[in-house]
């Protein structure tokens, strides 16, 4: 039985575990034990990852603007 997290590539798994684990440890635990996410779990994971991506994208854009 493969969990939602176990089927990710090692590099993706590392990022997902770090980000979701910091934001919602209970969600990460569920994704590590379930074969498929519920709709709520999927939406929560997407929101967490999107927020983190957006935060980093914003930081990168601020750095680029400071250089130019």
Protein backbone atom coordinates (compact mmCIF):
# COMPACT_ATOMS: atom_id res chain seq x y z
CA UNK A 1 0.00 0.00 0.00
CA UNK A 2 1.46 3.34 -1.08
CA UNK A 3 0.44 6.50 0.67
CA UNK A 4 -0.17 9.84 -0.99
CA UNK A 5 3.26 11.01 0.14
CA UNK A 6 5.07 7.77 -0.71
CA UNK A 7 4.24 7.97 -4.42
CA UNK A 8 5.94 11.36 -4.82
CA UNK A 9 9.45 11.56 -6.20
CA UNK A 10 12.07 11.86 -3.46
CA UNK A 11 12.74 15.55 -4.17
CA UNK A 12 9.03 16.41 -4.29
CA UNK A 13 8.38 14.35 -1.18
CA UNK A 14 11.03 16.27 0.74
CA UNK A 15 9.46 19.63 -0.18
CA UNK A 16 5.89 18.50 0.49
CA UNK A 17 6.79 16.98 3.86
CA UNK A 18 8.65 20.12 4.94
CA UNK A 19 5.98 22.61 3.85
CA UNK A 20 2.82 20.73 4.78
CA UNK A 21 4.39 19.36 7.96
CA UNK A 22 5.18 22.87 9.16
CA UNK A 23 1.74 24.23 8.26
CA UNK A 24 -0.50 21.31 9.24
CA UNK A 25 1.07 18.25 10.91
CA UNK A 26 -2.29 16.46 11.10
CA UNK A 27 -2.78 16.82 7.34
CA UNK A 28 0.70 15.47 6.70
CA UNK A 29 0.02 12.50 8.97
CA UNK A 30 -3.17 11.74 7.04
CA UNK A 31 -1.40 12.02 3.69
CA UNK A 32 1.28 9.64 4.94
CA UNK A 33 -1.29 7.03 5.93
CA UNK A 34 -3.96 7.32 3.22
CA UNK A 35 -3.75 5.92 -0.31
CA UNK A 36 -5.73 8.82 -1.76
CA UNK A 37 -6.52 12.22 -0.34
CA UNK A 38 -10.05 13.30 0.44
CA UNK A 39 -11.26 16.35 -1.42
CA UNK A 40 -10.76 18.42 1.75
CA UNK A 41 -7.21 17.12 2.19
CA UNK A 42 -6.39 17.83 -1.43
CA UNK A 43 -7.74 21.37 -1.21
CA UNK A 44 -5.89 22.02 2.05
CA UNK A 45 -2.61 20.71 0.64
CA UNK A 46 -3.01 22.76 -2.54
CA UNK A 47 -3.71 25.91 -0.54
CA UNK A 48 -0.68 25.39 1.71
CA UNK A 49 1.63 24.72 -1.23
CA UNK A 50 0.19 27.61 -3.26
CA UNK A 51 0.61 30.02 -0.35
CA UNK A 52 4.21 28.95 0.19
CA UNK A 53 5.00 29.15 -3.53
CA UNK A 54 3.44 32.61 -3.74
CA UNK A 55 5.35 33.77 -0.68
CA UNK A 56 8.65 32.66 -2.20
CA UNK A 57 7.78 34.04 -5.61
CA UNK A 58 7.08 37.39 -3.98
CA UNK A 59 10.43 37.29 -2.20
CA UNK A 60 12.20 36.50 -5.48
CA UNK A 61 10.39 39.33 -7.27
CA UNK A 62 11.39 41.76 -4.51
CA UNK A 63 15.02 40.67 -4.86
CA UNK A 64 14.94 41.12 -8.65
CA UNK A 65 13.44 44.59 -8.32
CA UNK A 66 16.14 45.57 -5.82
CA UNK A 67 18.87 44.51 -8.27
CA UNK A 68 17.43 46.44 -11.23
